[in-house]
Amino acid sequence: MKIVFTDHLLTRLKQRKISRNIVKEIFNQSLENYWDNLRNRHIVIGEVLYQGKYRKVMVAYDIIEKRIEAVTIHPITETEIKHRLQSGRWNYEKSKRKES
């Protein structure tokens, strides 16, 4: 599926000094997939080299007409993931990106 970068995502990439290639890497090598019940968005998490360390980084995205629209990106900790799952904000999701 084609990945489209929103203006908001491009701004966040610049602010956080994250390469566009990292977004693609996260989608290609995703570790975890969730559904965000608050924002009604898909979440994909990958472990990538960011600021000199391997860290988990999440991308929030929508699927629109057989394309992925990446909305935002930021590093995330195991604790943050755990809290979002426990609070019910996030639910586990099977990868839907591989459906074409």
PDB file of N, CA and C in Angstrom:
ATOM      1  N   MET A   1       0.834  -1.172   0.000  1.00  0.00           N
ATOM      2  CA  MET A   1       0.000   0.000   0.000  1.00  0.00           C
ATOM      3  C   MET A   1       0.886   1.246   0.000  1.00  0.00           C
ATOM      4  N   LYS A   2       0.482   2.249  -0.714  1.00  0.00           N
ATOM      5  CA  LYS A   2       1.231   3.500  -0.782  1.00  0.00           C
ATOM      6  C   LYS A   2       1.087   4.256   0.538  1.00  0.00           C
ATOM      7  N   ILE A   3       2.187   4.862   1.005  1.00  0.00           N
ATOM      8  CA  ILE A   3       2.167   5.672   2.220  1.00  0.00           C
ATOM      9  C   ILE A   3       2.208   7.143   1.824  1.00  0.00           C
ATOM     10  N   VAL A   4       1.206   7.895   2.290  1.00  0.00           N
ATOM     11  CA  VAL A   4       1.125   9.333   2.045  1.00  0.00           C
ATOM     12  C   VAL A   4       1.446  10.044   3.355  1.00  0.00           C
ATOM     13  N   PHE A   5       2.284  11.070   3.290  1.00  0.00           N
ATOM     14  CA  PHE A   5       2.649  11.835   4.486  1.00  0.00           C
ATOM     15  C   PHE A   5       1.787  13.091   4.555  1.00  0.00           C
ATOM     16  N   THR A   6       1.073  13.280   5.669  1.00  0.00           N
ATOM     17  CA  THR A   6       0.273  14.496   5.842  1.00  0.00           C
ATOM     18  C   THR A   6       1.201  15.667   6.165  1.00  0.00           C
ATOM     19  N   ASP A   7       0.681  16.883   6.005  1.00  0.00           N
ATOM     20  CA  ASP A   7       1.457  18.073   6.363  1.00  0.00           C
ATOM     21  C   ASP A   7       1.851  18.032   7.837  1.00  0.00           C
ATOM     22  N   HIS A   8       0.925  17.570   8.680  1.00  0.00           N
ATOM     23  CA  HIS A   8       1.212  17.482  10.116  1.00  0.00           C
ATOM     24  C   HIS A   8       2.386  16.530  10.372  1.00  0.00           C
ATOM     25  N   LEU A   9       2.386  15.388   9.704  1.00  0.00           N
ATOM     26  CA  LEU A   9       3.485  14.436   9.875  1.00  0.00           C
ATOM     27  C   LEU A   9       4.802  15.058   9.424  1.00  0.00           C
ATOM     28  N   LEU A  10       4.795  15.733   8.294  1.00  0.00           N
ATOM     29  CA  LEU A  10       6.024  16.362   7.794  1.00  0.00           C
ATOM     30  C   LEU A  10       6.564  17.388   8.790  1.00  0.00           C
ATOM     31  N   THR A  11       5.660  18.132   9.424  1.00  0.00           N
ATOM     32  CA  THR A  11       6.065  19.090  10.456  1.00  0.00           C
ATOM     33  C   THR A  11       6.703  18.371  11.635  1.00  0.00           C
ATOM     34  N   ARG A  12       6.081  17.275  12.081  1.00  0.00           N
ATOM     35  CA  ARG A  12       6.610  16.510  13.221  1.00  0.00           C
ATOM     36  C   ARG A  12       7.963  15.878  12.885  1.00  0.00           C
ATOM     37  N   LEU A  13       8.118  15.395  11.669  1.00  0.00           N
ATOM     38  CA  LEU A  13       9.404  14.822  11.262  1.00  0.00           C
ATOM     39  C   LEU A  13      10.507  15.868  11.369  1.00  0.00           C
ATOM     40  N   LYS A  14      10.205  17.069  10.905  1.00  0.00           N
ATOM     41  CA  LYS A  14      11.193  18.150  10.952  1.00  0.00           C
ATOM     42  C   LYS A  14      11.488  18.552  12.398  1.00  0.00           C
ATOM     43  N   GLN A  15      10.439  18.739  13.207  1.00  0.00           N
ATOM     44  CA  GLN A  15      10.619  19.141  14.608  1.00  0.00           C
ATOM     45  C   GLN A  15      11.427  18.117  15.396  1.00  0.00           C
ATOM     46  N   ARG A  16      11.151  16.849  15.145  1.00  0.00           N
ATOM     47  CA  ARG A  16      11.778  15.774  15.928  1.00  0.00           C
ATOM     48  C   ARG A  16      13.034  15.212  15.264  1.00  0.00           C
ATOM     49  N   LYS A  17      13.398  15.796  14.130  1.00  0.00           N
ATOM     50  CA  LYS A  17      14.591  15.383  13.385  1.00  0.00           C
ATOM     51  C   LYS A  17      14.569  13.890  13.084  1.00  0.00           C
ATOM     52  N   ILE A  18      13.445  13.457  12.514  1.00  0.00           N
ATOM     53  CA  ILE A  18      13.251  12.056  12.144  1.00  0.00           C
ATOM     54  C   ILE A  18      13.255  11.965  10.619  1.00  0.00           C
ATOM     55  N   SER A  19      14.006  11.032  10.093  1.00  0.00           N
ATOM     56  CA  SER A  19      14.075  10.816   8.648  1.00  0.00           C
ATOM     57  C   SER A  19      12.770  10.218   8.122  1.00  0.00           C
ATOM     58  N   ARG A  20      12.411  10.584   6.912  1.00  0.00           N
ATOM     59  CA  ARG A  20      11.231   9.983   6.261  1.00  0.00           C
ATOM     60  C   ARG A  20      11.391   8.468   6.135  1.00  0.00           C
ATOM     61  N   ASN A  21      12.630   8.023   5.979  1.00  0.00           N
ATOM     62  CA  ASN A  21      12.877   6.585   5.842  1.00  0.00           C
ATOM     63  C   ASN A  21      12.472   5.814   7.088  1.00  0.00           C
ATOM     64  N   ILE A  22      12.532   6.460   8.250  1.00  0.00           N
ATOM     65  CA  ILE A  22      12.134   5.794   9.492  1.00  0.00           C
ATOM     66  C   ILE A  22      10.657   5.438   9.451  1.00  0.00           C
ATOM     67  N   VAL A  23       9.836   6.305   8.880  1.00  0.00           N
ATOM     68  CA  VAL A  23       8.397   6.014   8.770  1.00  0.00           C
ATOM     69  C   VAL A  23       8.203   4.733   7.966  1.00  0.00           C
ATOM     70  N   LYS A  24       8.871   4.640   6.837  1.00  0.00           N
ATOM     71  CA  LYS A  24       8.755   3.452   5.988  1.00  0.00           C
ATOM     72  C   LYS A  24       9.285   2.211   6.707  1.00  0.00           C
ATOM     73  N   GLU A  25      10.388   2.382   7.428  1.00  0.00           N
ATOM     74  CA  GLU A  25      10.971   1.265   8.181  1.00  0.00           C
ATOM     75  C   GLU A  25       9.989   0.748   9.238  1.00  0.00           C
ATOM     76  N   ILE A  26       9.308   1.657   9.921  1.00  0.00           N
ATOM     77  CA  ILE A  26       8.337   1.255  10.946  1.00  0.00           C
ATOM     78  C   ILE A  26       7.221   0.433  10.317  1.00  0.00           C
ATOM     79  N   PHE A  27       6.719   0.861   9.180  1.00  0.00           N
ATOM     80  CA  PHE A  27       5.656   0.103   8.516  1.00  0.00           C
ATOM     81  C   PHE A  27       6.157  -1.242   8.006  1.00  0.00           C
ATOM     82  N   ASN A  28       7.371  -1.286   7.488  1.00  0.00           N
ATOM     83  CA  ASN A  28       7.910  -2.534   6.941  1.00  0.00           C
ATOM     84  C   ASN A  28       8.294  -3.545   8.011  1.00  0.00           C
ATOM     85  N   GLN A  29       8.691  -3.064   9.191  1.00  0.00           N
ATOM     86  CA  GLN A  29       9.172  -3.958  10.244  1.00  0.00           C
ATOM     87  C   GLN A  29       8.386  -3.762  11.535  1.00  0.00           C
ATOM     88  N   SER A  30       7.088  -3.560  11.411  1.00  0.00           N
ATOM     89  CA  SER A  30       6.280  -3.246  12.595  1.00  0.00           C
ATOM     90  C   SER A  30       6.327  -4.367  13.626  1.00  0.00           C
ATOM     91  N   LEU A  31       6.395  -3.966  14.896  1.00  0.00           N
ATOM     92  CA  LEU A  31       6.383  -4.900  16.018  1.00  0.00           C
ATOM     93  C   LEU A  31       4.971  -5.070  16.560  1.00  0.00           C
ATOM     94  N   GLU A  32       4.242  -3.968  16.593  1.00  0.00           N
ATOM     95  CA  GLU A  32       2.938  -3.957  17.245  1.00  0.00           C
ATOM     96  C   GLU A  32       1.960  -3.111  16.437  1.00  0.00           C
ATOM     97  N   ASN A  33       0.687  -3.530  16.466  1.00  0.00           N
ATOM     98  CA  ASN A  33      -0.377  -2.791  15.789  1.00  0.00           C
ATOM     99  C   ASN A  33      -1.542  -2.632  16.751  1.00  0.00           C
ATOM    100  N   TYR A  34      -2.047  -1.409  16.840  1.00  0.00           N
ATOM    101  CA  TYR A  34      -3.140  -1.107  17.760  1.00  0.00           C
ATOM    102  C   TYR A  34      -4.198  -0.260  17.056  1.00  0.00           C
ATOM    103  N   TRP A  35      -5.358  -0.176  17.701  1.00  0.00           N
ATOM    104  CA  TRP A  35      -6.411   0.749  17.295  1.00  0.00           C
ATOM    105  C   TRP A  35      -6.565   1.752  18.428  1.00  0.00           C
ATOM    106  N   ASP A  36      -6.511   3.046  18.108  1.00  0.00           N
ATOM    107  CA  ASP A  36      -6.679   4.108  19.098  1.00  0.00           C
ATOM    108  C   ASP A  36      -8.159   4.473  19.148  1.00  0.00           C
ATOM    109  N   ASN A  37      -8.830   4.085  20.233  1.00  0.00           N
ATOM    110  CA  ASN A  37     -10.263   4.332  20.388  1.00  0.00           C
ATOM    111  C   ASN A  37     -10.596   5.806  20.579  1.00  0.00           C
ATOM    112  N   LEU A  38      -9.653   6.593  21.093  1.00  0.00           N
ATOM    113  CA  LEU A  38      -9.887   8.018  21.306  1.00  0.00           C
ATOM    114  C   LEU A  38      -9.827   8.790  19.993  1.00  0.00           C
ATOM    115  N   ARG A  39      -8.830   8.495  19.195  1.00  0.00           N
ATOM    116  CA  ARG A  39      -8.617   9.234  17.936  1.00  0.00           C
ATOM    117  C   ARG A  39      -9.186   8.520  16.706  1.00  0.00           C
ATOM    118  N   ASN A  40      -9.650   7.282  16.904  1.00  0.00           N
ATOM    119  CA  ASN A  40     -10.150   6.476  15.778  1.00  0.00           C
ATOM    120  C   ASN A  40      -9.110   6.352  14.669  1.00  0.00           C
ATOM    121  N   ARG A  41      -7.922   5.914  15.084  1.00  0.00           N
ATOM    122  CA  ARG A  41      -6.808   5.760  14.143  1.00  0.00           C
ATOM    123  C   ARG A  41      -6.069   4.464  14.413  1.00  0.00           C
ATOM    124  N   HIS A  42      -5.397   4.006  13.388  1.00  0.00           N
ATOM    125  CA  HIS A  42      -4.498   2.862  13.504  1.00  0.00           C
ATOM    126  C   HIS A  42      -3.173   3.358  14.078  1.00  0.00           C
ATOM    127  N   ILE A  43      -2.510   2.480  14.819  1.00  0.00           N
ATOM    128  CA  ILE A  43      -1.198   2.778  15.393  1.00  0.00           C
ATOM    129  C   ILE A  43      -0.264   1.633  15.021  1.00  0.00           C
ATOM    130  N   VAL A  44       0.909   1.981  14.548  1.00  0.00           N
ATOM    131  CA  VAL A  44       1.939   0.980  14.282  1.00  0.00           C
ATOM    132  C   VAL A  44       3.182   1.404  15.059  1.00  0.00           C
ATOM    133  N   ILE A  45       3.850   0.422  15.655  1.00  0.00           N
ATOM    134  CA  ILE A  45       5.041   0.711  16.452  1.00  0.00           C
ATOM    135  C   ILE A  45       6.192  -0.144  15.944  1.00  0.00           C
ATOM    136  N   GLY A  46       7.330   0.500  15.786  1.00  0.00           N
ATOM    137  CA  GLY A  46       8.534  -0.201  15.385  1.00  0.00           C
ATOM    138  C   GLY A  46       9.692   0.236  16.259  1.00  0.00           C
ATOM    139  N   GLU A  47      10.748  -0.548  16.258  1.00  0.00           N
ATOM    140  CA  GLU A  47      11.955  -0.177  16.997  1.00  0.00           C
ATOM    141  C   GLU A  47      12.999   0.250  15.980  1.00  0.00           C
ATOM    142  N   VAL A  48      13.401   1.511  16.070  1.00  0.00           N
ATOM    143  CA  VAL A  48      14.306   2.088  15.077  1.00  0.00           C
ATOM    144  C   VAL A  48      15.410   2.879  15.770  1.00  0.00           C
ATOM    145  N   LEU A  49      16.479   3.121  15.036  1.00  0.00           N
ATOM    146  CA  LEU A  49      17.569   3.951  15.539  1.00  0.00           C
ATOM    147  C   LEU A  49      17.121   5.406  15.474  1.00  0.00           C
ATOM    148  N   TYR A  50      16.989   6.032  16.644  1.00  0.00           N
ATOM    149  CA  TYR A  50      16.526   7.416  16.733  1.00  0.00           C
ATOM    150  C   TYR A  50      17.360   8.131  17.788  1.00  0.00           C
ATOM    151  N   GLN A  51      18.014   9.204  17.391  1.00  0.00           N
ATOM    152  CA  GLN A  51      18.882   9.994  18.265  1.00  0.00           C
ATOM    153  C   GLN A  51      19.938   9.120  18.951  1.00  0.00           C
ATOM    154  N   GLY A  52      20.529   8.236  18.163  1.00  0.00           N
ATOM    155  CA  GLY A  52      21.649   7.434  18.645  1.00  0.00           C
ATOM    156  C   GLY A  52      21.305   6.187  19.441  1.00  0.00           C
ATOM    157  N   LYS A  53      20.009   5.908  19.629  1.00  0.00           N
ATOM    158  CA  LYS A  53      19.586   4.724  20.393  1.00  0.00           C
ATOM    159  C   LYS A  53      18.462   4.020  19.654  1.00  0.00           C
ATOM    160  N   TYR A  54      18.352   2.717  19.911  1.00  0.00           N
ATOM    161  CA  TYR A  54      17.190   2.006  19.392  1.00  0.00           C
ATOM    162  C   TYR A  54      16.025   2.275  20.329  1.00  0.00           C
ATOM    163  N   ARG A  55      14.950   2.805  19.767  1.00  0.00           N
ATOM    164  CA  ARG A  55      13.770   3.162  20.554  1.00  0.00           C
ATOM    165  C   ARG A  55      12.514   2.730  19.822  1.00  0.00           C
ATOM    166  N   LYS A  56      11.451   2.553  20.596  1.00  0.00           N
ATOM    167  CA  LYS A  56      10.148   2.320  19.990  1.00  0.00           C
ATOM    168  C   LYS A  56       9.596   3.669  19.538  1.00  0.00           C
ATOM    169  N   VAL A  57       9.118   3.684  18.310  1.00  0.00           N
ATOM    170  CA  VAL A  57       8.529   4.895  17.737  1.00  0.00           C
ATOM    171  C   VAL A  57       7.184   4.499  17.152  1.00  0.00           C
ATOM    172  N   MET A  58       6.155   5.323  17.411  1.00  0.00           N
ATOM    173  CA  MET A  58       4.819   5.023  16.906  1.00  0.00           C
ATOM    174  C   MET A  58       4.442   5.972  15.777  1.00  0.00           C
ATOM    175  N   VAL A  59       3.652   5.439  14.860  1.00  0.00           N
ATOM    176  CA  VAL A  59       3.061   6.242  13.797  1.00  0.00           C
ATOM    177  C   VAL A  59       1.558   6.025  13.868  1.00  0.00           C
ATOM    178  N   ALA A  60       0.813   7.127  13.927  1.00  0.00           N
ATOM    179  CA  ALA A  60      -0.648   7.064  13.853  1.00  0.00           C
ATOM    180  C   ALA A  60      -1.015   7.269  12.388  1.00  0.00           C
ATOM    181  N   TYR A  61      -1.981   6.471  11.909  1.00  0.00           N
ATOM    182  CA  TYR A  61      -2.317   6.567  10.490  1.00  0.00           C
ATOM    183  C   TYR A  61      -3.768   6.179  10.239  1.00  0.00           C
ATOM    184  N   ASP A  62      -4.248   6.589   9.072  1.00  0.00           N
ATOM    185  CA  ASP A  62      -5.568   6.211   8.574  1.00  0.00           C
ATOM    186  C   ASP A  62      -5.370   5.403   7.302  1.00  0.00           C
ATOM    187  N   ILE A  63      -6.342   4.569   6.990  1.00  0.00           N
ATOM    188  CA  ILE A  63      -6.350   3.878   5.699  1.00  0.00           C
ATOM    189  C   ILE A  63      -7.493   4.491   4.901  1.00  0.00           C
ATOM    190  N   ILE A  64      -7.129   5.128   3.793  1.00  0.00           N
ATOM    191  CA  ILE A  64      -8.106   5.815   2.956  1.00  0.00           C
ATOM    192  C   ILE A  64      -7.917   5.344   1.518  1.00  0.00           C
ATOM    193  N   GLU A  65      -8.962   4.723   0.989  1.00  0.00           N
ATOM    194  CA  GLU A  65      -8.954   4.273  -0.415  1.00  0.00           C
ATOM    195  C   GLU A  65      -7.658   3.550  -0.794  1.00  0.00           C
ATOM    196  N   LYS A  66      -7.336   2.510  -0.068  1.00  0.00           N
ATOM    197  CA  LYS A  66      -6.181   1.649  -0.345  1.00  0.00           C
ATOM    198  C   LYS A  66      -4.839   2.367  -0.262  1.00  0.00           C
ATOM    199  N   ARG A  67      -4.787   3.408   0.550  1.00  0.00           N
ATOM    200  CA  ARG A  67      -3.500   4.051   0.818  1.00  0.00           C
ATOM    201  C   ARG A  67      -3.411   4.343   2.311  1.00  0.00           C
ATOM    202  N   ILE A  68      -2.200   4.391   2.806  1.00  0.00           N
ATOM    203  CA  ILE A  68      -1.937   4.713   4.203  1.00  0.00           C
ATOM    204  C   ILE A  68      -1.648   6.198   4.286  1.00  0.00           C
ATOM    205  N   GLU A  69      -2.387   6.894   5.133  1.00  0.00           N
ATOM    206  CA  GLU A  69      -2.159   8.316   5.358  1.00  0.00           C
ATOM    207  C   GLU A  69      -1.550   8.464   6.752  1.00  0.00           C
ATOM    208  N   ALA A  70      -0.230   8.619   6.797  1.00  0.00           N
ATOM    209  CA  ALA A  70       0.486   8.740   8.069  1.00  0.00           C
ATOM    210  C   ALA A  70       0.249  10.132   8.637  1.00  0.00           C
ATOM    211  N   VAL A  71      -0.222  10.183   9.893  1.00  0.00           N
ATOM    212  CA  VAL A  71      -0.677  11.440  10.487  1.00  0.00           C
ATOM    213  C   VAL A  71       0.350  12.053  11.435  1.00  0.00           C
ATOM    214  N   THR A  72       0.943  11.244  12.312  1.00  0.00           N
ATOM    215  CA  THR A  72       1.925  11.775  13.257  1.00  0.00           C
ATOM    216  C   THR A  72       2.884  10.670  13.684  1.00  0.00           C
ATOM    217  N   ILE A  73       3.974  11.076  14.300  1.00  0.00           N
ATOM    218  CA  ILE A  73       5.023  10.147  14.717  1.00  0.00           C
ATOM    219  C   ILE A  73       5.678  10.667  15.988  1.00  0.00           C
ATOM    220  N   HIS A  74       5.994   9.757  16.908  1.00  0.00           N
ATOM    221  CA  HIS A  74       6.787  10.142  18.075  1.00  0.00           C
ATOM    222  C   HIS A  74       7.304   8.903  18.800  1.00  0.00           C
ATOM    223  N   PRO A  75       8.418   9.072  19.540  1.00  0.00           N
ATOM    224  CA  PRO A  75       8.915   7.970  20.365  1.00  0.00           C
ATOM    225  C   PRO A  75       7.880   7.634  21.435  1.00  0.00           C
ATOM    226  N   ILE A  76       7.858   6.376  21.858  1.00  0.00           N
ATOM    227  CA  ILE A  76       6.906   5.940  22.879  1.00  0.00           C
ATOM    228  C   ILE A  76       7.586   4.896  23.760  1.00  0.00           C
ATOM    229  N   THR A  77       7.269   4.935  25.045  1.00  0.00           N
ATOM    230  CA  THR A  77       7.874   3.988  25.987  1.00  0.00           C
ATOM    231  C   THR A  77       6.939   2.806  26.218  1.00  0.00           C
ATOM    232  N   GLU A  78       7.512   1.742  26.757  1.00  0.00           N
ATOM    233  CA  GLU A  78       6.703   0.568  27.130  1.00  0.00           C
ATOM    234  C   GLU A  78       5.629   0.962  28.142  1.00  0.00           C
ATOM    235  N   THR A  79       5.981   1.845  29.068  1.00  0.00           N
ATOM    236  CA  THR A  79       5.023   2.295  30.086  1.00  0.00           C
ATOM    237  C   THR A  79       3.841   3.011  29.442  1.00  0.00           C
ATOM    238  N   GLU A  80       4.108   3.875  28.479  1.00  0.00           N
ATOM    239  CA  GLU A  80       3.023   4.587  27.787  1.00  0.00           C
ATOM    240  C   GLU A  80       2.116   3.608  27.046  1.00  0.00           C
ATOM    241  N   ILE A  81       2.720   2.630  26.394  1.00  0.00           N
ATOM    242  CA  ILE A  81       1.927   1.621  25.677  1.00  0.00           C
ATOM    243  C   ILE A  81       1.052   0.858  26.665  1.00  0.00           C
ATOM    244  N   LYS A  82       1.655   0.420  27.757  1.00  0.00           N
ATOM    245  CA  LYS A  82       0.929  -0.340  28.777  1.00  0.00           C
ATOM    246  C   LYS A  82      -0.257   0.457  29.319  1.00  0.00           C
ATOM    247  N   HIS A  83      -0.046   1.729  29.630  1.00  0.00           N
ATOM    248  CA  HIS A  83      -1.126   2.566  30.167  1.00  0.00           C
ATOM    249  C   HIS A  83      -2.251   2.762  29.149  1.00  0.00           C
ATOM    250  N   ARG A  84      -1.897   2.934  27.894  1.00  0.00           N
ATOM    251  CA  ARG A  84      -2.931   3.124  26.870  1.00  0.00           C
ATOM    252  C   ARG A  84      -3.759   1.856  26.675  1.00  0.00           C
ATOM    253  N   LEU A  85      -3.121   0.711  26.820  1.00  0.00           N
ATOM    254  CA  LEU A  85      -3.862  -0.553  26.738  1.00  0.00           C
ATOM    255  C   LEU A  85      -4.736  -0.759  27.974  1.00  0.00           C
ATOM    256  N   GLN A  86      -4.177  -0.518  29.152  1.00  0.00           N
ATOM    257  CA  GLN A  86      -4.930  -0.719  30.396  1.00  0.00           C
ATOM    258  C   GLN A  86      -6.121   0.228  30.511  1.00  0.00           C
ATOM    259  N   SER A  87      -5.968   1.443  30.026  1.00  0.00           N
ATOM    260  CA  SER A  87      -7.053   2.425  30.116  1.00  0.00           C
ATOM    261  C   SER A  87      -8.154   2.159  29.092  1.00  0.00           C
ATOM    262  N   GLY A  88      -7.850   1.317  28.110  1.00  0.00           N
ATOM    263  CA  GLY A  88      -8.816   1.038  27.056  1.00  0.00           C
ATOM    264  C   GLY A  88      -8.713   1.992  25.876  1.00  0.00           C
ATOM    265  N   ARG A  89      -7.781   2.929  25.958  1.00  0.00           N
ATOM    266  CA  ARG A  89      -7.618   3.848  24.829  1.00  0.00           C
ATOM    267  C   ARG A  89      -7.173   3.084  23.579  1.00  0.00           C
ATOM    268  N   TRP A  90      -6.265   2.136  23.766  1.00  0.00           N
ATOM    269  CA  TRP A  90      -5.794   1.314  22.658  1.00  0.00           C
ATOM    270  C   TRP A  90      -6.270  -0.117  22.826  1.00  0.00           C
ATOM    271  N   ASN A  91      -6.489  -0.779  21.678  1.00  0.00           N
ATOM    272  CA  ASN A  91      -6.754  -2.213  21.626  1.00  0.00           C
ATOM    273  C   ASN A  91      -5.773  -2.824  20.645  1.00  0.00           C
ATOM    274  N   TYR A  92      -5.433  -4.095  20.878  1.00  0.00           N
ATOM    275  CA  TYR A  92      -4.591  -4.809  19.918  1.00  0.00           C
ATOM    276  C   TYR A  92      -5.331  -4.920  18.598  1.00  0.00           C
ATOM    277  N   GLU A  93      -4.577  -4.861  17.519  1.00  0.00           N
ATOM    278  CA  GLU A  93      -5.161  -4.945  16.186  1.00  0.00           C
ATOM    279  C   GLU A  93      -4.265  -5.802  15.308  1.00  0.00           C
ATOM    280  N   LYS A  94      -4.875  -6.646  14.515  1.00  0.00           N
ATOM    281  CA  LYS A  94      -4.101  -7.377  13.515  1.00  0.00           C
ATOM    282  C   LYS A  94      -3.711  -6.389  12.432  1.00  0.00           C
ATOM    283  N   SER A  95      -2.595  -6.644  11.801  1.00  0.00           N
ATOM    284  CA  SER A  95      -2.140  -5.760  10.735  1.00  0.00           C
ATOM    285  C   SER A  95      -3.129  -5.777   9.585  1.00  0.00           C
ATOM    286  N   LYS A  96      -3.622  -4.613   9.219  1.00  0.00           N
ATOM    287  CA  LYS A  96      -4.539  -4.485   8.086  1.00  0.00           C
ATOM    288  C   LYS A  96      -3.813  -3.928   6.870  1.00  0.00           C
ATOM    289  N   ARG A  97      -2.548  -3.531   7.066  1.00  0.00           N
ATOM    290  CA  ARG A  97      -1.812  -2.894   5.985  1.00  0.00           C
ATOM    291  C   ARG A  97      -1.452  -3.866   4.876  1.00  0.00           C
ATOM    292  N   LYS A  98      -1.374  -5.152   5.193  1.00  0.00           N
ATOM    293  CA  LYS A  98      -0.942  -6.121   4.187  1.00  0.00           C
ATOM    294  C   LYS A  98      -2.077  -6.536   3.260  1.00  0.00           C
ATOM    295  N   GLU A  99      -3.284  -6.070   3.564  1.00  0.00           N
ATOM    296  CA  GLU A  99      -4.409  -6.353   2.670  1.00  0.00           C
ATOM    297  C   GLU A  99      -4.311  -5.401   1.488  1.00  0.00           C
ATOM    298  N   SER A 100      -4.386  -5.905   0.304  1.00  0.00           N
ATOM    299  CA  SER A 100      -4.293  -5.022  -0.868  1.00  0.00           C
ATOM    300  C   SER A 100      -5.482  -5.203  -1.762  1.00  0.00           C
TER     301      SER A 100
END
